[in-house]
Protein backbone atom coordinates (compact mmCIF):
# COMPACT_ATOMS: atom_id res chain seq x y z
CA MET A 1 -8.41 -1.63 -11.19
CA LYS A 2 -7.54 -3.55 -14.33
CA ARG A 3 -10.03 -3.68 -17.17
CA THR A 4 -9.70 -5.55 -20.46
CA PHE A 5 -11.86 -5.17 -23.53
CA SER A 6 -13.15 -8.73 -23.34
CA SER A 7 -14.09 -8.46 -19.66
CA MET A 8 -16.09 -5.27 -19.85
CA ALA A 9 -19.36 -6.71 -21.10
CA ALA A 10 -20.03 -8.51 -17.86
CA LEU A 11 -19.57 -5.28 -15.94
CA VAL A 12 -21.59 -3.07 -18.23
CA LEU A 13 -24.46 -5.55 -18.25
CA ALA A 14 -24.17 -6.36 -14.52
CA ALA A 15 -26.55 -5.55 -11.70
CA ALA A 16 -28.74 -2.47 -11.34
CA ALA A 17 -27.25 0.98 -11.64
CA VAL A 18 -25.83 2.79 -8.66
CA THR A 19 -27.02 6.20 -9.83
CA ALA A 20 -29.92 6.28 -7.40
CA ALA A 21 -27.56 5.61 -4.55
CA GLY A 22 -24.88 8.12 -5.41
CA GLY A 23 -25.57 10.09 -8.58
CA SER A 24 -22.82 11.43 -10.77
CA ALA A 25 -19.32 12.14 -9.59
CA SER A 26 -19.65 15.80 -10.42
CA ALA A 27 -22.55 16.13 -8.01
CA HIS A 28 -20.43 14.72 -5.20
CA ALA A 29 -16.93 16.01 -5.87
CA PRO A 30 -14.13 14.44 -3.86
CA ALA A 31 -11.69 16.51 -1.89
CA ARG A 32 -9.02 17.75 -4.25
CA VAL A 33 -6.04 15.46 -4.42
CA LEU A 34 -2.99 16.39 -2.40
CA GLY A 35 -1.05 19.20 -3.98
CA SER A 36 -2.32 18.76 -7.53
CA GLY A 37 -5.47 20.82 -8.00
CA GLN A 38 -7.94 19.31 -10.44
CA HIS A 39 -6.01 16.11 -11.11
CA PHE A 40 -7.75 12.98 -9.80
CA SER A 41 -5.22 10.22 -9.13
CA THR A 42 -6.71 8.44 -6.07
CA THR A 43 -4.03 6.26 -4.42
CA LYS A 44 -1.55 7.09 -7.19
CA THR A 45 -1.47 10.70 -5.96
CA PRO A 46 2.10 11.90 -5.39
CA TYR A 47 2.94 12.75 -1.81
CA ALA A 48 2.73 16.17 -0.20
CA PRO A 49 3.13 16.93 3.53
CA GLN A 50 -0.13 18.15 5.03
CA GLN A 51 1.17 20.60 7.63
CA ASN A 52 4.07 22.95 8.10
CA ARG A 53 6.10 22.01 11.18
CA ARG A 54 6.09 25.68 12.24
CA ASP A 55 2.36 25.30 12.89
CA TYR A 56 2.66 22.30 15.22
CA GLU A 57 1.45 22.47 18.79
CA ALA A 58 4.27 23.28 21.20
CA VAL A 59 5.72 20.29 23.04
CA PRO A 60 4.58 20.41 26.69
CA ALA A 61 7.09 22.04 29.03
CA SER A 62 9.79 19.76 30.44
CA PHE A 63 9.15 17.05 27.82
CA THR A 64 11.73 15.92 25.28
CA PRO A 65 11.53 13.42 22.40
CA VAL A 66 13.13 10.05 23.18
CA PHE A 67 11.92 7.86 20.31
CA THR A 68 10.13 7.98 16.96
CA GLU A 69 8.60 5.34 14.72
CA SER A 70 6.82 5.37 11.41
CA VAL A 71 4.89 3.26 8.94
CA SER A 72 5.31 4.51 5.38
CA ARG A 73 3.94 3.47 2.05
CA HIS A 74 6.51 3.23 -0.73
CA GLY A 75 6.96 6.38 -2.77
CA SER A 76 5.70 7.14 -6.25
CA ARG A 77 6.39 4.34 -8.71
CA ALA A 78 6.02 3.22 -12.29
CA MET A 79 2.88 1.38 -13.36
CA SER A 80 2.76 -2.35 -12.57
CA ASP A 81 2.90 -3.28 -16.26
CA SER A 82 2.32 -1.98 -19.78
CA GLU A 83 -1.15 -3.48 -20.14
CA ASP A 84 -3.13 -0.23 -20.07
CA GLY A 85 -0.68 1.55 -22.34
CA ASP A 86 -0.66 -1.31 -24.82
CA ALA A 87 -4.46 -1.38 -24.90
CA VAL A 88 -4.69 2.37 -25.54
CA LEU A 89 -2.03 2.27 -28.26
CA ALA A 90 -3.74 -0.64 -30.02
CA VAL A 91 -6.95 1.35 -30.40
CA LEU A 92 -5.11 4.52 -31.42
CA ARG A 93 -3.24 2.64 -34.14
CA ASP A 94 -6.41 1.05 -35.43
CA ALA A 95 -8.12 4.43 -35.55
CA GLU A 96 -5.12 6.00 -37.26
CA SER A 97 -5.16 3.31 -39.94
CA LYS A 98 -8.77 4.25 -40.66
CA GLY A 99 -8.21 8.01 -40.60
CA ALA A 100 -10.40 8.22 -37.51
CA LEU A 101 -8.25 10.27 -35.11
CA THR A 102 -9.19 13.83 -34.22
CA ARG A 103 -6.45 16.45 -33.86
CA LEU A 104 -6.44 15.80 -30.12
CA GLY A 105 -6.42 12.04 -30.65
CA ALA A 106 -3.39 12.30 -32.89
CA ARG A 107 -1.44 13.86 -30.03
CA LEU A 108 -2.16 11.06 -27.57
CA GLY A 109 -0.05 8.21 -28.99
CA PRO A 110 3.35 9.90 -28.57
CA GLN A 111 2.45 10.85 -25.02
CA VAL A 112 1.54 7.26 -24.13
CA GLU A 113 4.68 5.94 -25.80
CA SER A 114 6.81 8.38 -23.79
CA LEU A 115 5.11 7.34 -20.57
CA LEU A 116 5.65 3.65 -21.29
CA ALA A 117 9.28 4.27 -22.15
CA ALA A 118 9.75 6.11 -18.86
CA ALA A 119 8.11 3.28 -16.91
CA SER A 120 10.24 0.70 -18.69
CA SER A 121 13.41 2.65 -17.93
CA VAL A 122 12.55 2.65 -14.22
CA GLY A 123 11.21 -0.90 -14.26
CA TYR A 124 7.50 -1.64 -14.07
CA GLY A 125 6.33 -1.40 -10.49
CA GLU A 126 9.62 0.08 -9.28
CA LEU A 127 10.25 3.28 -7.34
CA SER A 128 10.49 6.32 -9.59
CA GLY A 129 12.69 9.37 -9.28
CA ARG A 130 9.80 11.24 -7.75
CA GLY A 131 9.37 8.43 -5.23
CA VAL A 132 13.02 8.74 -4.23
CA GLN A 133 12.58 12.48 -3.74
CA GLU A 134 9.44 11.98 -1.64
CA GLN A 135 11.18 9.63 0.76
CA ARG A 136 14.39 11.64 1.08
CA GLN A 137 12.51 14.87 1.72
CA THR A 138 10.16 13.25 4.25
CA ALA A 139 13.20 11.94 6.14
CA GLN A 140 14.84 15.36 6.14
CA ARG A 141 11.67 16.96 7.51
CA MET A 142 11.51 14.30 10.23
CA GLU A 143 15.01 15.25 11.31
CA GLU A 144 14.17 18.95 11.19
CA ARG A 145 11.13 18.35 13.41
CA LEU A 146 13.08 16.35 15.99
CA PRO A 147 16.64 17.72 16.07
CA SER A 148 17.13 16.98 19.78
CA LEU A 149 16.01 13.37 19.28
CA PHE A 150 18.55 12.76 16.55
CA ARG A 151 21.28 14.39 18.63
CA ARG A 152 20.28 12.01 21.42
CA ILE A 153 20.38 9.04 19.03
CA VAL A 154 23.91 9.97 17.95
CA ALA A 155 25.10 10.68 21.49
CA GLY A 156 23.71 7.42 22.83
CA GLN A 157 24.63 5.39 19.76
CA GLU A 158 21.02 4.21 19.57
CA PRO A 159 20.21 2.02 16.56
CA VAL A 160 17.70 3.04 13.90
CA GLU A 161 15.81 -0.11 12.92
CA VAL A 162 14.54 -0.42 9.35
CA LYS A 163 11.95 -2.97 8.22
CA THR A 164 10.33 -3.49 4.82
CA SER A 165 7.90 -5.78 3.06
CA GLY A 166 10.76 -7.13 0.98
CA VAL A 167 9.18 -5.85 -2.25
CA ASN A 168 11.71 -3.89 -4.30
CA ARG A 169 9.88 -0.57 -4.23
CA ALA A 170 9.49 -0.75 -0.44
CA THR A 171 13.16 -1.57 0.08
CA ALA A 172 14.16 1.17 -2.35
CA SER A 173 11.94 3.56 -0.39
CA ALA A 174 13.66 2.56 2.84
CA ASN A 175 17.07 3.20 1.28
CA ALA A 176 15.96 6.58 -0.07
CA PHE A 177 14.54 7.56 3.32
CA THR A 178 17.60 6.55 5.31
CA GLY A 179 19.75 8.19 2.66
CA GLY A 180 17.90 11.40 3.40
CA LEU A 181 18.56 11.01 7.12
CA THR A 182 22.26 10.34 6.75
CA ALA A 183 22.70 13.13 4.20
CA ALA A 184 21.27 15.54 6.76
CA ASP A 185 23.43 14.09 9.55
CA PRO A 186 26.30 11.81 8.46
CA LYS A 187 26.81 10.80 12.12
CA LEU A 188 23.71 8.61 11.76
CA THR A 189 25.31 6.47 9.06
CA ASP A 190 26.64 3.72 11.30
CA LEU A 191 23.47 3.70 13.41
CA VAL A 192 21.02 3.07 10.55
CA GLN A 193 20.61 -0.68 10.25
CA ALA A 194 20.28 -2.49 6.94
CA PRO A 195 16.64 -3.10 5.95
CA VAL A 196 15.17 -6.33 7.28
CA THR A 197 12.26 -8.05 5.52
CA ASP A 198 9.17 -8.77 7.64
CA LYS A 199 6.32 -9.92 5.43
CA ASP A 200 4.05 -10.90 8.30
CA LEU A 201 4.22 -7.32 9.55
CA LEU A 202 4.42 -5.31 6.34
CA TYR A 203 2.94 -7.54 3.62
CA PHE A 204 0.34 -9.29 5.71
CA HIS A 205 -2.39 -9.15 3.11
CA LYS A 206 -0.49 -11.72 1.02
CA GLN A 207 0.47 -14.11 3.83
CA PRO A 208 -1.04 -17.59 4.47
CA GLN A 209 -2.53 -16.57 7.81
CA ASN A 210 -4.80 -14.16 5.93
CA ALA A 211 -6.13 -16.66 3.40
CA ASP A 212 -9.66 -15.67 4.42
CA TYR A 213 -8.97 -12.12 3.25
CA GLN A 214 -7.53 -13.35 -0.04
CA GLU A 215 -10.63 -15.47 -0.55
CA TYR A 216 -12.81 -12.44 0.17
CA VAL A 217 -11.09 -10.40 -2.55
CA GLU A 218 -11.23 -13.26 -5.05
CA SER A 219 -14.72 -14.62 -4.56
CA ASP A 220 -16.90 -12.88 -2.00
CA PRO A 221 -20.36 -12.58 -3.62
CA ASP A 222 -21.26 -9.34 -1.83
CA LEU A 223 -18.02 -7.72 -2.95
CA ALA A 224 -18.45 -8.86 -6.54
CA ALA A 225 -22.05 -7.66 -6.61
CA VAL A 226 -21.42 -4.19 -5.22
CA LEU A 227 -18.45 -3.51 -7.51
CA ALA A 228 -20.40 -4.72 -10.54
CA ARG A 229 -23.28 -2.50 -9.51
CA ILE A 230 -21.03 0.54 -9.17
CA ASP A 231 -19.09 -0.15 -12.39
CA SER A 232 -22.26 -0.60 -14.42
CA ALA A 233 -23.77 2.74 -13.45
CA PRO A 234 -24.94 4.73 -16.51
CA ASP A 235 -22.37 7.40 -15.69
CA THR A 236 -19.60 4.94 -16.54
CA ALA A 237 -20.76 4.55 -20.13
CA ARG A 238 -21.53 8.25 -20.43
CA ASN A 239 -18.11 9.38 -19.21
CA ALA A 240 -16.38 6.81 -21.40
CA LYS A 241 -18.22 8.09 -24.44
CA ASP A 242 -17.23 11.66 -23.54
CA VAL A 243 -13.57 10.61 -23.51
CA VAL A 244 -13.54 8.69 -26.80
CA ALA A 245 -15.66 11.30 -28.59
CA ARG A 246 -12.86 13.84 -28.20
CA LEU A 247 -10.23 11.50 -29.62
CA PHE A 248 -11.98 9.67 -32.47
CA THR A 249 -14.36 10.56 -35.26
CA SER A 250 -18.06 10.10 -34.61
CA ARG A 251 -18.22 7.19 -37.06
CA TYR A 252 -15.42 5.36 -35.26
CA VAL A 253 -17.01 5.99 -31.86
CA ALA A 254 -20.34 4.67 -33.13
CA ALA A 255 -18.65 1.48 -34.31
CA MET A 256 -17.15 0.81 -30.87
CA THR A 257 -19.14 -1.35 -28.46
CA ALA A 258 -20.10 0.24 -25.16
CA GLU A 259 -17.78 -2.11 -23.31
CA ASP A 260 -14.86 -1.23 -25.59
CA ARG A 261 -15.40 2.48 -24.99
CA VAL A 262 -15.39 1.89 -21.25
CA ALA A 263 -12.31 -0.33 -21.38
CA PHE A 264 -10.41 2.23 -23.46
CA ALA A 265 -11.42 5.14 -21.21
CA ARG A 266 -10.51 3.27 -18.05
CA SER A 267 -7.12 2.24 -19.38
CA LEU A 268 -6.46 5.82 -20.43
CA TYR A 269 -7.55 7.03 -17.00
CA GLU A 270 -5.07 4.65 -15.36
CA LEU A 271 -2.26 6.19 -17.44
CA TYR A 272 -3.50 9.68 -16.62
CA ALA A 273 -3.48 8.81 -12.91
CA ALA A 274 0.01 7.32 -13.05
CA ALA A 275 1.71 9.99 -15.15
CA PRO A 276 2.52 12.41 -12.28
CA ASP A 277 4.42 9.63 -10.48
CA LEU A 278 6.86 9.54 -13.42
CA ARG A 279 7.35 13.28 -13.66
CA VAL A 280 11.13 12.98 -13.26
CA GLU A 281 11.51 10.41 -16.04
CA ALA A 282 8.76 11.81 -18.28
CA PRO A 283 8.62 15.55 -17.57
CA ASP A 284 6.85 16.38 -20.81
CA VAL A 285 4.04 13.84 -20.45
CA ASP A 286 0.74 15.44 -19.46
CA LEU A 287 -2.46 13.50 -20.11
CA ASP A 288 -4.87 15.96 -18.52
CA ALA A 289 -6.01 17.27 -21.90
CA PHE A 290 -7.13 13.77 -22.91
CA VAL A 291 -9.14 13.01 -19.75
CA PRO A 292 -11.07 16.10 -18.69
CA ALA A 293 -11.45 16.57 -14.94
CA ARG A 294 -15.19 15.88 -15.00
CA ASN A 295 -14.53 12.45 -16.54
CA ALA A 296 -11.43 11.71 -14.50
CA GLU A 297 -13.46 12.39 -11.37
CA TRP A 298 -15.91 9.62 -12.22
CA PHE A 299 -13.21 7.08 -13.03
CA SER A 300 -11.40 8.02 -9.83
CA TYR A 301 -14.60 7.22 -7.98
CA LEU A 302 -14.70 3.77 -9.57
CA ASP A 303 -11.12 3.13 -8.46
CA ASP A 304 -11.80 4.49 -4.99
CA ALA A 305 -14.82 2.21 -4.66
CA GLU A 306 -12.69 -0.86 -5.28
CA GLU A 307 -10.06 0.28 -2.78
CA PHE A 308 -12.74 1.14 -0.21
CA TYR A 309 -14.35 -2.30 -0.38
CA GLU A 310 -11.16 -4.35 -0.73
CA LYS A 311 -8.78 -2.52 1.62
CA GLY A 312 -10.71 0.09 3.58
CA PRO A 313 -13.69 0.10 5.95
CA SER A 314 -15.81 -1.87 3.46
CA PHE A 315 -19.16 -3.38 4.56
CA SER A 316 -20.78 -2.51 7.87
CA GLY A 317 -20.41 -5.26 10.42
CA ARG A 318 -17.44 -6.95 8.73
CA THR A 319 -13.78 -6.61 9.70
CA ILE A 320 -12.22 -8.86 7.05
CA THR A 321 -10.45 -5.98 5.28
CA TYR A 322 -8.83 -4.38 8.32
CA GLY A 323 -8.76 -6.82 11.23
CA MET A 324 -5.52 -8.31 9.90
CA ALA A 325 -3.76 -4.95 10.49
CA ASP A 326 -3.80 -5.68 14.23
CA VAL A 327 -0.28 -7.06 13.84
CA LEU A 328 0.95 -3.64 12.70
CA LEU A 329 -0.94 -1.73 15.38
CA ASP A 330 0.46 -4.11 17.98
CA ASP A 331 3.99 -3.45 16.76
CA LEU A 332 3.50 0.30 17.02
CA PHE A 333 2.49 -0.13 20.65
CA ASP A 334 5.17 -2.73 21.38
CA GLN A 335 7.91 -0.35 20.29
CA VAL A 336 6.82 2.69 22.33
CA GLU A 337 6.03 0.53 25.35
CA ALA A 338 9.45 -1.10 25.22
CA LYS A 339 11.15 2.29 24.99
CA ALA A 340 9.13 3.62 27.91
CA ALA A 341 9.89 0.48 29.95
CA GLY A 342 13.61 0.81 29.29
CA THR A 343 13.82 -2.57 27.55
CA SER A 344 14.62 -1.08 24.13
CA THR A 345 17.70 0.88 23.14
CA LYS A 346 16.33 1.81 19.70
CA GLY A 347 16.22 5.46 18.80
CA ALA A 348 13.82 4.99 15.88
CA VAL A 349 11.93 2.27 14.01
CA LEU A 350 11.15 2.87 10.33
CA ARG A 351 8.79 0.58 8.40
CA PHE A 352 8.12 0.60 4.64
CA THR A 353 5.06 -1.06 3.23
CA HIS A 354 2.13 -0.71 0.81
CA ALA A 355 -1.33 0.80 0.45
CA GLU A 356 -2.82 -2.60 1.37
CA GLU A 357 -1.33 -2.16 4.83
CA ILE A 358 -1.80 1.60 5.27
CA MET A 359 -5.54 1.55 4.52
CA PRO A 360 -6.55 -1.06 7.12
CA LEU A 361 -4.22 0.49 9.69
CA ALA A 362 -6.00 3.80 9.11
CA VAL A 363 -9.30 2.13 9.99
CA LEU A 364 -7.93 0.67 13.23
CA LEU A 365 -6.41 4.00 14.24
CA GLY A 366 -9.59 5.89 13.42
CA LEU A 367 -7.77 8.27 11.11
CA PRO A 368 -9.82 11.05 9.47
CA GLY A 369 -12.04 9.83 6.62
CA SER A 370 -11.02 6.21 7.18
CA THR A 371 -13.64 4.71 9.44
CA LYS A 372 -17.12 4.91 7.95
CA SER A 373 -18.20 1.62 6.39
CA ALA A 374 -21.08 1.14 3.93
CA ASP A 375 -24.35 -0.66 4.45
CA ILE A 376 -24.74 -3.55 2.06
CA ASP A 377 -27.82 -2.00 0.43
CA GLU A 378 -26.35 1.52 0.17
CA PRO A 379 -23.11 1.47 -1.85
CA TYR A 380 -20.20 3.77 -1.13
CA THR A 381 -20.32 7.05 -3.04
CA TYR A 382 -18.51 10.35 -2.87
CA GLY A 383 -21.79 11.81 -1.63
CA ASN A 384 -22.29 9.57 1.40
CA ASN A 385 -18.75 8.83 2.59
CA ALA A 386 -15.60 10.90 3.19
CA TRP A 387 -13.20 8.06 2.28
CA ARG A 388 -10.79 9.09 -0.51
CA GLY A 389 -7.77 7.13 -1.62
CA ALA A 390 -5.83 10.32 -2.32
CA GLN A 391 -6.13 11.32 1.32
CA VAL A 392 -5.98 7.95 3.05
CA ALA A 393 -3.08 6.38 1.17
CA PRO A 394 -1.35 8.56 -1.42
CA MET A 395 2.13 7.57 -2.52
CA ALA A 396 4.55 7.69 0.46
CA ALA A 397 1.66 8.01 2.92
CA ASN A 398 2.94 7.75 6.47
CA VAL A 399 1.91 7.44 10.09
CA GLN A 400 4.45 8.59 12.68
CA TRP A 401 4.38 8.24 16.46
CA ASP A 402 6.75 10.40 18.50
CA LEU A 403 7.41 9.48 22.13
CA PHE A 404 8.22 12.23 24.64
CA ALA A 405 9.45 11.82 28.21
CA GLY A 406 9.00 14.22 31.10
CA PRO A 407 8.40 14.36 34.83
CA ARG A 408 5.25 12.81 36.21
CA ARG A 409 3.40 15.13 38.53
CA ALA A 410 0.51 14.42 40.84
CA GLY A 411 -2.79 14.18 39.00
CA THR A 412 -1.32 13.23 35.63
CA GLY A 413 -1.32 10.00 33.71
CA GLY A 414 -4.64 9.75 31.90
CA LYS A 415 -7.65 7.70 32.97
CA SER A 416 -5.51 4.66 33.75
CA GLY A 417 -2.15 6.28 34.47
CA ALA A 418 -0.46 6.59 37.82
CA LYS A 419 -1.78 9.53 39.85
CA THR A 420 1.18 9.93 42.19
CA ALA A 421 4.06 12.32 41.72
CA GLY A 422 7.51 11.07 40.76
CA GLY A 423 8.86 8.95 37.94
CA THR A 424 8.68 9.56 34.21
CA ARG A 425 5.59 10.30 32.19
CA TYR A 426 5.44 9.41 28.50
CA LEU A 427 3.42 11.24 25.90
CA VAL A 428 2.69 10.22 22.31
CA ARG A 429 2.01 12.50 19.35
CA MET A 430 0.75 11.09 16.06
CA LEU A 431 1.42 12.60 12.65
CA TYR A 432 -0.51 11.42 9.60
CA ASN A 433 1.12 12.51 6.39
CA GLU A 434 3.03 14.91 8.62
CA LYS A 435 -0.10 16.50 10.04
CA GLU A 436 -0.80 16.44 13.77
CA THR A 437 -3.71 14.03 14.06
CA ALA A 438 -5.94 13.01 16.91
CA PHE A 439 -6.28 9.39 17.93
CA LYS A 440 -9.78 7.90 17.80
CA ALA A 441 -12.48 9.80 19.64
CA SER A 442 -12.57 7.47 22.64
CA CYS A 443 -8.97 8.44 23.52
CA GLU A 444 -8.51 11.56 25.66
CA PRO A 445 -5.58 13.91 25.01
CA ILE A 446 -3.72 15.53 27.89
CA SER A 447 -5.86 18.63 27.45
CA ARG A 448 -8.78 19.63 25.28
CA GLY A 449 -7.67 20.10 21.67
CA SER A 450 -4.14 18.84 22.29
CA HIS A 451 -2.42 16.32 20.03
CA PHE A 452 -0.41 14.83 22.89
CA TYR A 453 -1.70 11.71 24.64
CA ASP A 454 -0.49 9.99 27.76
CA LEU A 455 0.88 6.57 26.78
CA ASP A 456 -1.08 4.94 29.59
CA GLU A 457 -4.27 6.55 28.24
CA LEU A 458 -3.61 5.17 24.75
CA LYS A 459 -2.91 1.71 26.13
CA SER A 460 -6.24 1.80 27.95
CA CYS A 461 -8.12 3.30 24.99
CA PHE A 462 -6.85 0.59 22.62
CA GLY A 463 -7.32 -2.22 25.14
CA ARG A 464 -3.60 -2.80 25.77
CA ASN A 465 -3.79 -2.89 29.58
């Protein structure tokens, strides 16, 4: 969420405070971000797999993997631009000229300069070294999980289809991922297709057919009101003052307007959140000392609120933020159905996209923590909703469907599947950030507690029949 000094007054003076609805962040702590303890980076959180493959449920007897597909967010990246860093440095230089920096404040400037230099060396908005590592390692774990599938792909000369949004960081992520696959098994090299751009599928939030969504983000009065209400909570000003008070002398802090304190603190938080994504290029940059966890937690909540309302489950009774992800859900089904029907020769389909696509897909799939919307008169808080950007769509977030084939026996096939013996039965397993994950509650697995679902059951559950 971008904030400028001149724009903050409208937010600080906006609608009534949200404190009554949610209280302080510390009272409603979010789940700790993936793999990084007390650091609060929301959707900028670097990727970490959420389950060891050794702990996966055993594949049902007589079933073998015949296809896999995934939807992945790009990996860790540099900040979109230097705006936040420039804003922070401008204040630091002004304070320095007036002798108003504390010992801690005097240490901040070089750290910010190093972070900006690292981002510039990568290219603003581009995939970072850490992002490359995330994708390569995820690909290698995929191959380790499904060795017989990849042997089958090589033996049958089955193509591996690769699609991206066409944005540089997504295409770079695709290349890093497929590089990880081919490094693990060079025999895949000629089978991995060059990335193909499909914006309607993987950048749908920006396409003309979703102009209503774009209008919602730009000018919906309910959205503007709830974000202003959340941003203008007293805890925002209080946490901002906590941050600046550690960096500047009391006289300098007193001379700052409330909106300038908030703008500075929020820009600094954005740098703090982004720094781990540039760990390869800026290994010595650590901004945790400048944004204590208790303050970072509140600013992470403000960022999460914007993501929740603009890209997640949003307002109760409205589907504007996630209905457009139907195209991606349809493609997931189309690919497994075609493989099961024998009309596709593909061994794998790999898609690389953005948080704006992962978040709404998570709602449609009913993924954990992704489905609860907010009543218009009760704003989203960490206390009343499990949605967290760090869990729903961290960097390199991914959804994977594995298709398994085996003999169909009498009495199998799910609620809508064939009940007669003979033929082939297809099962689907879903991994979410590499963790075995149940489909939405209305879908029945092959047995209680299993993570395998009959394809016919999923088609019925999602209204595909």
